[in-house]
């Protein structure tokens, strides 16, 4: 297992995922909803974590199939946690950690389940 390379790929994927928080910021500003700060903070935290993982992960080696499986599993878990940040940070939605992660997984997997 090449853990530094796995962390580097995970950091890159987190930086790409942070871009998905830009459209909600624009929509919140356009409609003057007031929820843009939750997405701004979630964007900053996700981008910063991705940058840290990418910069401090070490050398870049080629991934093997086992490494790829771990990247996929870690990415779904980490993506779900970072996707829950806007729910946790929002002042308009009072949601605990468990419900926020449930909503995030529901949205990312398109299962249609909702606690809201």
C-alpha atoms as a PDB file:
ATOM      1  CA  UNK A   1       0.000   0.000   0.000  1.00  0.00           C
ATOM      2  CA  UNK A   2       1.239   3.455  -0.903  1.00  0.00           C
ATOM      3  CA  UNK A   3      -0.422   5.560   1.791  1.00  0.00           C
ATOM      4  CA  UNK A   4       1.253   8.864   0.832  1.00  0.00           C
ATOM      5  CA  UNK A   5       0.008   8.465  -2.725  1.00  0.00           C
ATOM      6  CA  UNK A   6      -3.461   7.509  -1.512  1.00  0.00           C
ATOM      7  CA  UNK A   7      -3.574  10.660   0.626  1.00  0.00           C
ATOM      8  CA  UNK A   8      -2.364  12.721  -2.337  1.00  0.00           C
ATOM      9  CA  UNK A   9      -5.170  11.394  -4.547  1.00  0.00           C
ATOM     10  CA  UNK A  10      -7.680  11.927  -1.738  1.00  0.00           C
ATOM     11  CA  UNK A  11      -6.486  15.530  -1.371  1.00  0.00           C
ATOM     12  CA  UNK A  12      -6.896  16.136  -5.094  1.00  0.00           C
ATOM     13  CA  UNK A  13     -10.409  14.683  -5.040  1.00  0.00           C
ATOM     14  CA  UNK A  14     -11.339  16.839  -2.035  1.00  0.00           C
ATOM     15  CA  UNK A  15     -10.120  19.953  -3.835  1.00  0.00           C
ATOM     16  CA  UNK A  16     -12.289  19.017  -6.812  1.00  0.00           C
ATOM     17  CA  UNK A  17     -15.259  18.312  -4.519  1.00  0.00           C
ATOM     18  CA  UNK A  18     -14.878  21.747  -2.941  1.00  0.00           C
ATOM     19  CA  UNK A  19     -15.794  23.255  -6.324  1.00  0.00           C
ATOM     20  CA  UNK A  20     -19.256  21.731  -5.989  1.00  0.00           C
ATOM     21  CA  UNK A  21     -19.955  24.200  -3.184  1.00  0.00           C
ATOM     22  CA  UNK A  22     -19.543  27.233  -5.440  1.00  0.00           C
ATOM     23  CA  UNK A  23     -22.967  27.017  -7.185  1.00  0.00           C
ATOM     24  CA  UNK A  24     -24.893  27.038  -3.863  1.00  0.00           C
ATOM     25  CA  UNK A  25     -22.923  30.134  -2.837  1.00  0.00           C
ATOM     26  CA  UNK A  26     -23.916  31.901  -6.053  1.00  0.00           C
ATOM     27  CA  UNK A  27     -27.574  30.851  -5.715  1.00  0.00           C
ATOM     28  CA  UNK A  28     -27.710  31.946  -2.064  1.00  0.00           C
ATOM     29  CA  UNK A  29     -26.253  35.326  -2.990  1.00  0.00           C
ATOM     30  CA  UNK A  30     -28.593  35.693  -5.986  1.00  0.00           C
ATOM     31  CA  UNK A  31     -31.760  35.011  -3.980  1.00  0.00           C
ATOM     32  CA  UNK A  32     -30.432  36.765  -0.845  1.00  0.00           C
ATOM     33  CA  UNK A  33     -31.235  33.750   1.290  1.00  0.00           C
ATOM     34  CA  UNK A  34     -28.449  34.365   3.785  1.00  0.00           C
ATOM     35  CA  UNK A  35     -27.053  30.822   3.826  1.00  0.00           C
ATOM     36  CA  UNK A  36     -23.996  31.550   1.746  1.00  0.00           C
ATOM     37  CA  UNK A  37     -21.599  31.686   4.714  1.00  0.00           C
ATOM     38  CA  UNK A  38     -22.188  28.016   5.560  1.00  0.00           C
ATOM     39  CA  UNK A  39     -21.151  27.094   2.027  1.00  0.00           C
ATOM     40  CA  UNK A  40     -18.225  29.539   2.029  1.00  0.00           C
ATOM     41  CA  UNK A  41     -16.864  27.999   5.230  1.00  0.00           C
ATOM     42  CA  UNK A  42     -17.505  24.462   3.970  1.00  0.00           C
ATOM     43  CA  UNK A  43     -15.734  25.362   0.703  1.00  0.00           C
ATOM     44  CA  UNK A  44     -12.752  26.802   2.588  1.00  0.00           C
ATOM     45  CA  UNK A  45     -12.474  23.841   4.985  1.00  0.00           C
ATOM     46  CA  UNK A  46     -12.766  21.286   2.181  1.00  0.00           C
ATOM     47  CA  UNK A  47     -10.321  23.081  -0.094  1.00  0.00           C
ATOM     48  CA  UNK A  48      -7.862  23.652   2.759  1.00  0.00           C
ATOM     49  CA  UNK A  49      -7.964  20.024   3.846  1.00  0.00           C
ATOM     50  CA  UNK A  50      -7.483  18.895   0.263  1.00  0.00           C
ATOM     51  CA  UNK A  51      -4.524  21.239  -0.170  1.00  0.00           C
ATOM     52  CA  UNK A  52      -2.931  20.043   3.075  1.00  0.00           C
ATOM     53  CA  UNK A  53      -3.356  16.401   2.107  1.00  0.00           C
ATOM     54  CA  UNK A  54      -1.934  17.052  -1.341  1.00  0.00           C
ATOM     55  CA  UNK A  55       1.022  19.153  -0.215  1.00  0.00           C
ATOM     56  CA  UNK A  56       2.158  17.104   2.767  1.00  0.00           C
ATOM     57  CA  UNK A  57       1.493  13.597   1.475  1.00  0.00           C
ATOM     58  CA  UNK A  58       4.950  12.963   0.098  1.00  0.00           C
ATOM     59  CA  UNK A  59       6.136  11.383  -3.118  1.00  0.00           C
ATOM     60  CA  UNK A  60       3.817  10.467  -5.960  1.00  0.00           C
ATOM     61  CA  UNK A  61       3.966   6.769  -6.856  1.00  0.00           C
ATOM     62  CA  UNK A  62       1.820   4.682  -9.128  1.00  0.00           C
ATOM     63  CA  UNK A  63      -1.292   3.178  -7.568  1.00  0.00           C
ATOM     64  CA  UNK A  64      -1.990  -0.523  -7.520  1.00  0.00           C
ATOM     65  CA  UNK A  65      -5.467  -2.053  -7.648  1.00  0.00           C
ATOM     66  CA  UNK A  66      -5.586  -2.456  -3.850  1.00  0.00           C
ATOM     67  CA  UNK A  67      -4.717   1.223  -3.485  1.00  0.00           C
ATOM     68  CA  UNK A  68      -7.525   2.125  -5.880  1.00  0.00           C
ATOM     69  CA  UNK A  69     -10.074   0.222  -3.807  1.00  0.00           C
ATOM     70  CA  UNK A  70      -8.943   2.044  -0.672  1.00  0.00           C
ATOM     71  CA  UNK A  71      -9.119   5.407  -2.466  1.00  0.00           C
ATOM     72  CA  UNK A  72     -12.726   4.729  -3.484  1.00  0.00           C
ATOM     73  CA  UNK A  73     -13.801   3.622   0.005  1.00  0.00           C
ATOM     74  CA  UNK A  74     -12.023   6.515   1.711  1.00  0.00           C
ATOM     75  CA  UNK A  75     -13.365   9.016  -0.800  1.00  0.00           C
ATOM     76  CA  UNK A  76     -16.999   7.997  -0.241  1.00  0.00           C
ATOM     77  CA  UNK A  77     -16.535   8.180   3.533  1.00  0.00           C
ATOM     78  CA  UNK A  78     -14.640  11.484   3.476  1.00  0.00           C
ATOM     79  CA  UNK A  79     -16.957  12.960   0.834  1.00  0.00           C
ATOM     80  CA  UNK A  80     -19.947  12.180   3.030  1.00  0.00           C
ATOM     81  CA  UNK A  81     -18.339  13.886   6.021  1.00  0.00           C
ATOM     82  CA  UNK A  82     -17.325  17.001   4.102  1.00  0.00           C
ATOM     83  CA  UNK A  83     -20.696  17.107   2.355  1.00  0.00           C
ATOM     84  CA  UNK A  84     -22.317  17.361   5.779  1.00  0.00           C
ATOM     85  CA  UNK A  85     -20.422  20.556   6.638  1.00  0.00           C
ATOM     86  CA  UNK A  86     -22.969  23.008   5.159  1.00  0.00           C
ATOM     87  CA  UNK A  87     -25.741  21.387   7.211  1.00  0.00           C
ATOM     88  CA  UNK A  88     -23.671  21.578  10.388  1.00  0.00           C
ATOM     89  CA  UNK A  89     -22.418  25.134   9.809  1.00  0.00           C
ATOM     90  CA  UNK A  90     -25.722  26.637   8.695  1.00  0.00           C
ATOM     91  CA  UNK A  91     -27.564  28.912  11.104  1.00  0.00           C
ATOM     92  CA  UNK A  92     -30.822  28.297   9.218  1.00  0.00           C
ATOM     93  CA  UNK A  93     -30.808  24.512   9.542  1.00  0.00           C
ATOM     94  CA  UNK A  94     -30.418  23.198  13.068  1.00  0.00           C
ATOM     95  CA  UNK A  95     -29.069  19.734  12.418  1.00  0.00           C
ATOM     96  CA  UNK A  96     -26.837  17.469  14.436  1.00  0.00           C
ATOM     97  CA  UNK A  97     -23.853  15.571  13.125  1.00  0.00           C
ATOM     98  CA  UNK A  98     -25.663  12.276  12.534  1.00  0.00           C
ATOM     99  CA  UNK A  99     -28.576  13.831  10.648  1.00  0.00           C
ATOM    100  CA  UNK A 100     -26.215  15.991   8.599  1.00  0.00           C
ATOM    101  CA  UNK A 101     -24.129  13.001   7.523  1.00  0.00           C
ATOM    102  CA  UNK A 102     -27.339  11.080   6.739  1.00  0.00           C
ATOM    103  CA  UNK A 103     -28.535  13.932   4.506  1.00  0.00           C
ATOM    104  CA  UNK A 104     -25.141  14.128   2.834  1.00  0.00           C
ATOM    105  CA  UNK A 105     -25.024  10.395   2.084  1.00  0.00           C
ATOM    106  CA  UNK A 106     -28.627  10.532   0.899  1.00  0.00           C
ATOM    107  CA  UNK A 107     -27.839  13.332  -1.512  1.00  0.00           C
ATOM    108  CA  UNK A 108     -24.586  11.880  -2.793  1.00  0.00           C
ATOM    109  CA  UNK A 109     -26.022   8.418  -3.374  1.00  0.00           C
ATOM    110  CA  UNK A 110     -29.390   9.787  -4.621  1.00  0.00           C
ATOM    111  CA  UNK A 111     -31.351   7.404  -2.389  1.00  0.00           C
ATOM    112  CA  UNK A 112     -34.072   9.976  -1.751  1.00  0.00           C
ATOM    113  CA  UNK A 113     -34.193   9.468   2.012  1.00  0.00           C
ATOM    114  CA  UNK A 114     -34.365  12.638   4.054  1.00  0.00           C
ATOM    115  CA  UNK A 115     -34.490  13.709   7.688  1.00  0.00           C
ATOM    116  CA  UNK A 116     -35.578  17.226   6.778  1.00  0.00           C
END
